[in-house]
């Protein structure tokens, strides 16, 4: 650590209280109009929460991190985290729209002035939906450097061939951020070179070399498979420098970890609050079941884990906003938050017993949704590998 970095670390501070209270209260009011019955109906029909996303857009919260210059609110990352946390703590799900907050960061930080002016105002207003992120492929998974989707320059366009999987919300998005290889791997010195990022206009490409198919899953997350067969993307849609896309994608991953981790904190708080209410109300053997330590302890343990994870995520946000390295805190915070949420989910389901499986209680729906966070957007094992190598100095494992 350099002396200047250490000095800047000494100057970093973070709130320990209920930060952004006005924003949190406003988000809770919006979510109150979308109770459990709304989400259960969507799941039964495998439908997209159009009204919920519209309400968040109209409130300006989906454009919270976009600078005011481009029509956004210009709020710090921690404000975005508070928004997503409250959505999940209210029993709703930001999954259908949260990608907009962190995907647009690649465009904001690495796009040209013309590109930012072309797309960011529309994203901020809701006129344009940037929800799809085309990275993962069927045969490469988390080994992003070996992805096979190719984009070849032909005149003033790139022609794209390949396949993406688990590309959520592609059928409900106007634009897609796409990572593709522009230089074959055997021709680059470093395996992370030769990858490029594009903004793909789905409206222009769909049916013209682009096909999107729904991918049914355990939760109503609107996952898709995306097929490129000669889709033509204007060269002007290339973000930054050709071949440097992997670096641009990595640049946004800390923000992604912090924001998704905050959703997990919200889930954990919903599960804990729901479990406590049920344990106090449900009476068996002439006393509330919450009086039993076998019921109390798992809930209390999950609450303690939640508070610890929340503090680490707040530290990660403070470092991110100060422009300081935060990879360790962002990754560990996301991992610990996902685990706290899962333990809270297990405690809540167990507290409800058989009723935990009844859809009307929403516990089983949230239980399924929160389990995803230990897998995506980064798996627990990948976080542990990162910490082992980059924090502890152990040999690289892959």
Protein backbone atom coordinates (compact mmCIF):
# COMPACT_ATOMS: atom_id res chain seq x y z
CA UNK A 1 0.00 0.00 0.00
CA UNK A 2 1.43 3.39 -0.96
CA UNK A 3 1.67 6.24 1.52
CA UNK A 4 -0.88 8.30 -0.44
CA UNK A 5 -3.35 5.40 -0.47
CA UNK A 6 -2.91 4.90 3.29
CA UNK A 7 -3.52 8.62 3.84
CA UNK A 8 -6.68 8.52 1.76
CA UNK A 9 -7.87 5.43 3.65
CA UNK A 10 -7.57 7.40 6.88
CA UNK A 11 -9.94 9.97 5.42
CA UNK A 12 -12.66 7.50 4.37
CA UNK A 13 -15.78 7.48 6.54
CA UNK A 14 -19.07 5.64 6.39
CA UNK A 15 -22.47 5.94 8.00
CA UNK A 16 -23.43 3.41 10.65
CA UNK A 17 -27.02 4.59 10.91
CA UNK A 18 -30.03 4.27 8.62
CA UNK A 19 -28.54 6.26 5.75
CA UNK A 20 -30.66 7.90 3.04
CA UNK A 21 -33.82 7.70 5.20
CA UNK A 22 -35.96 9.77 2.80
CA UNK A 23 -35.04 7.55 -0.14
CA UNK A 24 -35.69 4.41 1.90
CA UNK A 25 -39.11 5.64 2.99
CA UNK A 26 -40.03 6.59 -0.57
CA UNK A 27 -38.98 3.14 -1.86
CA UNK A 28 -41.05 1.47 0.87
CA UNK A 29 -44.11 3.47 -0.21
CA UNK A 30 -43.64 2.39 -3.82
CA UNK A 31 -43.21 -1.26 -2.81
CA UNK A 32 -46.37 -1.14 -0.68
CA UNK A 33 -48.34 -0.97 -3.94
CA UNK A 34 -46.82 -4.27 -5.05
CA UNK A 35 -47.58 -6.82 -2.31
CA UNK A 36 -46.93 -10.54 -2.37
CA UNK A 37 -50.06 -11.23 -4.38
CA UNK A 38 -48.65 -9.14 -7.24
CA UNK A 39 -45.44 -11.22 -7.38
CA UNK A 40 -47.27 -14.52 -7.03
CA UNK A 41 -49.50 -13.66 -9.97
CA UNK A 42 -46.49 -12.72 -12.11
CA UNK A 43 -44.79 -15.99 -11.29
CA UNK A 44 -47.88 -18.02 -12.13
CA UNK A 45 -48.00 -16.34 -15.55
CA UNK A 46 -44.20 -16.14 -15.97
CA UNK A 47 -44.77 -12.45 -16.60
CA UNK A 48 -42.47 -9.43 -16.31
CA UNK A 49 -43.19 -6.82 -13.56
CA UNK A 50 -43.81 -4.02 -16.03
CA UNK A 51 -45.84 -1.88 -13.63
CA UNK A 52 -43.28 -2.22 -10.84
CA UNK A 53 -40.38 -1.31 -13.13
CA UNK A 54 -42.37 1.64 -14.47
CA UNK A 55 -43.01 2.90 -10.94
CA UNK A 56 -39.32 2.73 -10.08
CA UNK A 57 -38.42 4.43 -13.35
CA UNK A 58 -40.93 7.26 -12.85
CA UNK A 59 -39.58 7.84 -9.37
CA UNK A 60 -36.10 8.24 -10.82
CA UNK A 61 -34.61 5.41 -8.81
CA UNK A 62 -33.47 3.31 -11.75
CA UNK A 63 -31.53 6.33 -12.98
CA UNK A 64 -30.18 7.13 -9.53
CA UNK A 65 -26.53 6.53 -10.42
CA UNK A 66 -26.62 8.31 -13.80
CA UNK A 67 -25.14 11.84 -13.56
CA UNK A 68 -27.52 14.78 -13.61
CA UNK A 69 -25.88 15.90 -16.87
CA UNK A 70 -27.62 12.95 -18.56
CA UNK A 71 -30.94 13.23 -16.75
CA UNK A 72 -30.18 11.01 -13.76
CA UNK A 73 -30.09 11.77 -10.06
CA UNK A 74 -26.30 11.65 -9.77
CA UNK A 75 -26.43 9.81 -6.45
CA UNK A 76 -23.51 7.83 -4.97
CA UNK A 77 -23.27 4.06 -5.14
CA UNK A 78 -24.34 3.74 -1.51
CA UNK A 79 -27.67 5.39 -2.38
CA UNK A 80 -28.21 2.78 -5.10
CA UNK A 81 -27.42 0.08 -2.56
CA UNK A 82 -29.98 1.55 -0.15
CA UNK A 83 -32.64 1.56 -2.89
CA UNK A 84 -32.08 -2.10 -3.78
CA UNK A 85 -31.87 -3.14 -0.13
CA UNK A 86 -35.24 -1.57 0.65
CA UNK A 87 -36.88 -3.13 -2.40
CA UNK A 88 -35.91 -6.58 -1.17
CA UNK A 89 -36.59 -5.82 2.48
CA UNK A 90 -40.13 -4.88 1.41
CA UNK A 91 -40.71 -8.32 -0.13
CA UNK A 92 -40.28 -7.20 -3.73
CA UNK A 93 -37.56 -8.21 -6.19
CA UNK A 94 -35.22 -5.82 -8.00
CA UNK A 95 -33.83 -8.64 -10.15
CA UNK A 96 -35.93 -7.72 -13.20
CA UNK A 97 -34.39 -4.25 -13.34
CA UNK A 98 -31.29 -3.96 -11.14
CA UNK A 99 -28.84 -4.61 -13.98
CA UNK A 100 -29.48 -1.12 -15.31
CA UNK A 101 -27.70 0.34 -12.29
CA UNK A 102 -24.41 -1.47 -12.82
CA UNK A 103 -24.42 -2.22 -16.55
CA UNK A 104 -24.59 1.45 -17.46
CA UNK A 105 -21.38 2.02 -15.48
CA UNK A 106 -19.33 0.53 -18.35
CA UNK A 107 -20.92 3.01 -20.74
CA UNK A 108 -20.55 5.88 -18.28
CA UNK A 109 -16.89 5.26 -17.46
CA UNK A 110 -15.60 4.07 -20.84
CA UNK A 111 -18.04 5.27 -23.48
CA UNK A 112 -17.31 8.24 -25.73
CA UNK A 113 -19.09 11.57 -25.10
CA UNK A 114 -21.28 10.87 -28.15
CA UNK A 115 -22.23 7.42 -26.89
CA UNK A 116 -23.11 8.70 -23.43
CA UNK A 117 -25.22 11.47 -24.88
CA UNK A 118 -26.91 9.02 -27.26
CA UNK A 119 -27.98 6.47 -24.66
CA UNK A 120 -27.76 7.67 -21.05
CA UNK A 121 -30.60 10.25 -21.12
CA UNK A 122 -32.97 7.64 -22.56
CA UNK A 123 -31.88 5.09 -19.96
CA UNK A 124 -32.40 7.64 -17.18
CA UNK A 125 -35.89 8.54 -18.37
CA UNK A 126 -36.94 4.96 -19.05
CA UNK A 127 -37.33 5.56 -22.79
CA UNK A 128 -34.52 3.04 -23.29
CA UNK A 129 -34.11 -0.17 -21.30
CA UNK A 130 -30.55 -1.40 -20.78
CA UNK A 131 -31.15 -4.57 -18.78
CA UNK A 132 -29.37 -7.35 -20.69
CA UNK A 133 -25.75 -8.32 -20.17
CA UNK A 134 -24.40 -10.87 -22.66
CA UNK A 135 -21.30 -12.48 -21.12
CA UNK A 136 -21.83 -16.08 -19.95
CA UNK A 137 -21.71 -18.87 -22.53
CA UNK A 138 -22.86 -22.51 -22.34
CA UNK A 139 -19.39 -24.07 -22.62
CA UNK A 140 -17.20 -21.54 -20.82
CA UNK A 141 -19.23 -20.46 -17.79
CA UNK A 142 -17.14 -18.28 -15.48
CA UNK A 143 -13.99 -18.73 -17.61
CA UNK A 144 -14.79 -15.53 -19.45
CA UNK A 145 -11.46 -15.30 -21.29
CA UNK A 146 -12.35 -18.42 -23.28
CA UNK A 147 -15.70 -17.22 -24.57
CA UNK A 148 -16.34 -18.14 -28.17
CA UNK A 149 -18.66 -15.40 -29.41
CA UNK A 150 -16.80 -13.56 -32.19
CA UNK A 151 -17.22 -10.07 -33.53
CA UNK A 152 -15.38 -9.46 -36.82
CA UNK A 153 -14.97 -5.98 -38.30
CA UNK A 154 -16.42 -5.61 -41.79
CA UNK A 155 -16.39 -2.03 -42.97
CA UNK A 156 -18.38 0.14 -40.59
CA UNK A 157 -19.97 -2.84 -38.79
CA UNK A 158 -18.96 -5.79 -36.66
CA UNK A 159 -20.53 -9.12 -37.61
CA UNK A 160 -21.29 -11.26 -34.57
CA UNK A 161 -21.57 -15.04 -34.32
CA UNK A 162 -21.96 -17.01 -31.09
CA UNK A 163 -24.24 -17.89 -28.22
CA UNK A 164 -24.91 -16.52 -24.75
CA UNK A 165 -26.81 -18.15 -21.91
CA UNK A 166 -28.41 -16.91 -18.68
CA UNK A 167 -28.77 -13.51 -20.30
CA UNK A 168 -31.53 -12.22 -18.06
CA UNK A 169 -34.17 -9.80 -19.33
CA UNK A 170 -33.04 -9.81 -22.98
CA UNK A 171 -36.69 -10.09 -24.04
CA UNK A 172 -37.53 -7.02 -21.95
CA UNK A 173 -34.64 -4.80 -22.95
CA UNK A 174 -33.96 -2.42 -25.81
CA UNK A 175 -30.18 -2.55 -25.50
CA UNK A 176 -27.71 -5.26 -24.53
CA UNK A 177 -24.15 -4.92 -23.33
CA UNK A 178 -22.21 -7.64 -25.15
CA UNK A 179 -18.74 -9.03 -24.53
CA UNK A 180 -17.27 -10.73 -27.59
CA UNK A 181 -13.84 -11.74 -28.82
CA UNK A 182 -12.51 -9.51 -31.60
CA UNK A 183 -9.07 -11.15 -31.73
CA UNK A 184 -8.70 -14.94 -31.56
CA UNK A 185 -7.20 -16.12 -28.28
CA UNK A 186 -4.26 -17.78 -30.01
CA UNK A 187 -3.24 -14.39 -31.43
CA UNK A 188 -3.06 -12.45 -28.15
CA UNK A 189 -0.23 -12.31 -25.60
CA UNK A 190 -2.54 -12.24 -22.57
CA UNK A 191 -5.72 -14.29 -22.50
CA UNK A 192 -7.64 -11.26 -21.24
CA UNK A 193 -6.73 -9.30 -24.37
CA UNK A 194 -8.77 -9.34 -27.56
CA UNK A 195 -12.19 -9.05 -25.90
CA UNK A 196 -14.41 -6.10 -26.76
CA UNK A 197 -17.61 -4.56 -25.39
CA UNK A 198 -20.49 -3.45 -27.59
CA UNK A 199 -23.89 -1.90 -27.07
CA UNK A 200 -26.24 -4.01 -29.17
CA UNK A 201 -29.57 -2.46 -30.16
CA UNK A 202 -31.86 -5.46 -29.76
CA UNK A 203 -34.68 -3.71 -31.61
CA UNK A 204 -32.56 -3.42 -34.75
CA UNK A 205 -30.91 -6.85 -34.60
CA UNK A 206 -33.80 -9.09 -33.51
CA UNK A 207 -34.68 -11.33 -36.44
CA UNK A 208 -31.66 -9.98 -38.31
CA UNK A 209 -29.04 -12.41 -37.06
CA UNK A 210 -30.19 -12.24 -33.44
CA UNK A 211 -32.57 -14.72 -31.81
CA UNK A 212 -33.64 -14.80 -28.15
CA UNK A 213 -35.29 -17.77 -26.46
CA UNK A 214 -36.70 -17.92 -22.91
CA UNK A 215 -34.86 -20.19 -20.50
CA UNK A 216 -37.18 -21.56 -17.81
CA UNK A 217 -35.67 -21.66 -14.35
CA UNK A 218 -36.48 -22.15 -10.67
CA UNK A 219 -37.41 -18.49 -10.28
CA UNK A 220 -39.20 -15.97 -12.47
CA UNK A 221 -35.98 -14.19 -13.45
CA UNK A 222 -36.63 -13.92 -17.21
CA UNK A 223 -33.44 -15.73 -18.18
CA UNK A 224 -32.80 -16.30 -21.88
CA UNK A 225 -30.50 -17.90 -24.40
CA UNK A 226 -29.20 -15.51 -27.04
CA UNK A 227 -28.05 -16.65 -30.47
CA UNK A 228 -25.95 -14.50 -32.84
CA UNK A 229 -25.78 -15.63 -36.44
CA UNK A 230 -24.40 -12.76 -38.47
CA UNK A 231 -25.92 -9.91 -36.46
CA UNK A 232 -24.48 -6.59 -37.62
CA UNK A 233 -23.49 -4.10 -34.92
CA UNK A 234 -22.35 -0.60 -35.98
CA UNK A 235 -18.68 0.08 -35.27
CA UNK A 236 -19.84 3.19 -33.43
CA UNK A 237 -21.35 0.92 -30.78
CA UNK A 238 -17.93 -0.34 -29.67
CA UNK A 239 -17.25 0.87 -26.13
CA UNK A 240 -13.73 2.19 -25.61
CA UNK A 241 -10.82 0.55 -27.35
CA UNK A 242 -11.11 -2.70 -29.30
CA UNK A 243 -9.59 -5.61 -27.41
CA UNK A 244 -9.73 -3.95 -23.98
CA UNK A 245 -13.27 -4.98 -23.09
CA UNK A 246 -12.33 -7.41 -20.33
CA UNK A 247 -10.81 -4.56 -18.34
CA UNK A 248 -13.96 -2.47 -18.84
CA UNK A 249 -16.15 -5.30 -17.60
CA UNK A 250 -13.98 -5.89 -14.53
CA UNK A 251 -14.15 -2.19 -13.75
CA UNK A 252 -17.88 -2.48 -13.08
CA UNK A 253 -17.83 -5.72 -11.13
CA UNK A 254 -17.10 -4.19 -7.73
CA UNK A 255 -20.19 -2.01 -8.06
CA UNK A 256 -22.18 -5.06 -9.13
CA UNK A 257 -21.00 -7.03 -6.08
CA UNK A 258 -21.94 -4.19 -3.72
CA UNK A 259 -25.38 -3.64 -5.22
CA UNK A 260 -26.36 -7.32 -5.38
CA UNK A 261 -24.96 -7.84 -1.90
CA UNK A 262 -27.25 -5.07 -0.71
CA UNK A 263 -30.22 -6.91 -2.19
CA UNK A 264 -29.19 -9.94 -0.16
CA UNK A 265 -29.12 -7.79 2.97
CA UNK A 266 -32.67 -6.68 2.17
CA UNK A 267 -33.77 -10.28 1.73
CA UNK A 268 -32.18 -11.24 5.04
CA UNK A 269 -34.03 -8.43 6.81
CA UNK A 270 -37.34 -9.51 5.23
CA UNK A 271 -36.83 -13.12 6.30
CA UNK A 272 -35.84 -12.14 9.83
CA UNK A 273 -38.75 -9.76 10.28
CA UNK A 274 -41.19 -12.31 8.83
CA UNK A 275 -39.83 -15.13 10.99
CA UNK A 276 -40.01 -13.04 14.17
CA UNK A 277 -43.60 -11.99 13.47
CA UNK A 278 -44.69 -15.56 12.86
CA UNK A 279 -42.76 -16.93 15.86
CA UNK A 280 -44.42 -14.40 18.14
CA UNK A 281 -47.89 -15.07 16.76
CA UNK A 282 -47.88 -18.84 16.31
CA UNK A 283 -48.83 -20.73 19.49
CA UNK A 284 -48.14 -24.43 20.05
CA UNK A 285 -48.37 -26.20 23.41
CA UNK A 286 -50.01 -23.06 24.85
CA UNK A 287 -47.10 -20.72 24.19
CA UNK A 288 -45.55 -18.84 21.24
CA UNK A 289 -43.07 -20.93 19.33
CA UNK A 290 -40.65 -18.01 19.47
CA UNK A 291 -40.17 -18.81 23.15
CA UNK A 292 -38.28 -21.95 22.16
CA UNK A 293 -34.52 -21.58 21.78
CA UNK A 294 -34.59 -24.01 18.85
CA UNK A 295 -36.62 -21.39 17.00
CA UNK A 296 -34.90 -18.31 18.42
CA UNK A 297 -31.29 -19.20 17.85
CA UNK A 298 -31.27 -19.67 14.03
CA UNK A 299 -33.11 -16.37 13.60
CA UNK A 300 -30.78 -14.55 15.98
CA UNK A 301 -27.71 -16.08 14.32
CA UNK A 302 -28.88 -14.98 10.86
CA UNK A 303 -29.53 -11.47 12.21
CA UNK A 304 -25.98 -11.25 13.56
CA UNK A 305 -24.57 -12.43 10.22
CA UNK A 306 -26.70 -9.84 8.41
CA UNK A 307 -25.42 -6.97 10.54
CA UNK A 308 -21.79 -8.01 9.99
CA UNK A 309 -22.22 -8.37 6.21
CA UNK A 310 -23.99 -5.02 6.04
CA UNK A 311 -21.04 -3.28 7.69
CA UNK A 312 -18.56 -4.80 5.25
CA UNK A 313 -20.69 -3.73 2.28
CA UNK A 314 -20.86 -0.20 3.67
CA UNK A 315 -17.08 -0.20 3.89
CA UNK A 316 -16.87 -1.41 0.30
CA UNK A 317 -19.19 1.40 -0.82
CA UNK A 318 -17.14 4.01 1.02
CA UNK A 319 -13.93 2.78 -0.60
CA UNK A 320 -15.57 2.64 -4.05
CA UNK A 321 -16.86 6.20 -3.76
CA UNK A 322 -13.42 7.40 -2.62
CA UNK A 323 -11.86 5.82 -5.71
CA UNK A 324 -9.83 3.39 -3.60
CA UNK A 325 -9.29 -0.36 -4.13
CA UNK A 326 -12.33 -2.25 -2.86
CA UNK A 327 -12.21 -5.62 -4.61
CA UNK A 328 -11.68 -7.60 -1.41
CA UNK A 329 -14.43 -5.82 0.50
CA UNK A 330 -16.89 -5.93 -2.40
CA UNK A 331 -16.37 -9.64 -2.99
CA UNK A 332 -16.35 -10.68 0.65
CA UNK A 333 -19.30 -8.43 1.45
CA UNK A 334 -21.35 -9.94 -1.36
CA UNK A 335 -20.44 -13.49 -0.28
CA UNK A 336 -21.25 -12.89 3.39
CA UNK A 337 -24.50 -11.11 2.53
CA UNK A 338 -25.64 -13.97 0.31
CA UNK A 339 -24.87 -16.46 3.07
CA UNK A 340 -26.63 -14.36 5.71
CA UNK A 341 -29.69 -14.13 3.47
CA UNK A 342 -29.69 -17.89 2.91
CA UNK A 343 -29.39 -18.65 6.62
CA UNK A 344 -32.20 -16.19 7.33
CA UNK A 345 -34.28 -17.86 4.61
CA UNK A 346 -33.68 -21.29 6.11
CA UNK A 347 -34.58 -20.03 9.59
CA UNK A 348 -37.73 -18.36 8.29
CA UNK A 349 -38.87 -21.44 6.37
CA UNK A 350 -38.17 -23.72 9.32
CA UNK A 351 -40.02 -21.37 11.68
CA UNK A 352 -43.11 -21.49 9.47
CA UNK A 353 -42.97 -25.28 9.23
CA UNK A 354 -45.45 -26.60 6.69
CA UNK A 355 -46.87 -23.13 6.10
CA UNK A 356 -43.47 -22.08 4.78
CA UNK A 357 -44.33 -24.09 1.67
CA UNK A 358 -47.67 -22.34 1.22
CA UNK A 359 -47.37 -19.80 -1.57
CA UNK A 360 -49.61 -17.27 0.18
CA UNK A 361 -46.91 -16.64 2.80
CA UNK A 362 -44.31 -15.71 0.12
CA UNK A 363 -41.59 -17.44 2.14
CA UNK A 364 -40.99 -20.20 -0.41
CA UNK A 365 -40.80 -17.66 -3.26
CA UNK A 366 -38.27 -15.50 -1.49
CA UNK A 367 -36.41 -18.64 -0.34
CA UNK A 368 -35.95 -19.69 -3.97
CA UNK A 369 -34.97 -16.21 -5.09
CA UNK A 370 -32.33 -15.64 -2.43
CA UNK A 371 -30.58 -18.96 -3.08
CA UNK A 372 -29.49 -17.62 -6.46
CA UNK A 373 -27.24 -15.03 -4.84
CA UNK A 374 -24.65 -17.62 -3.83
CA UNK A 375 -24.27 -18.50 -7.52
CA UNK A 376 -24.79 -15.24 -9.39
CA UNK A 377 -23.51 -12.77 -10.31
CA UNK A 378 -20.41 -14.45 -8.88
CA UNK A 379 -20.30 -17.81 -7.13
CA UNK A 380 -19.07 -18.22 -3.57
CA UNK A 381 -16.22 -20.43 -4.78
CA UNK A 382 -14.95 -17.73 -7.14
CA UNK A 383 -15.00 -15.20 -4.30
CA UNK A 384 -13.03 -17.57 -2.08
CA UNK A 385 -10.49 -18.12 -4.88
CA UNK A 386 -10.13 -14.34 -5.24
CA UNK A 387 -9.61 -13.84 -1.51
CA UNK A 388 -7.13 -16.73 -1.30
CA UNK A 389 -4.99 -15.35 -4.12
CA UNK A 390 -5.34 -11.57 -3.96
CA UNK A 391 -5.82 -11.05 -0.22
CA UNK A 392 -3.97 -13.94 1.42
CA UNK A 393 -1.23 -14.45 -1.16
CA UNK A 394 -1.91 -18.12 -1.83
CA UNK A 395 -1.10 -19.67 -5.24
CA UNK A 396 -3.59 -19.10 -8.03
CA UNK A 397 -5.98 -22.06 -8.12
CA UNK A 398 -7.09 -21.85 -11.74
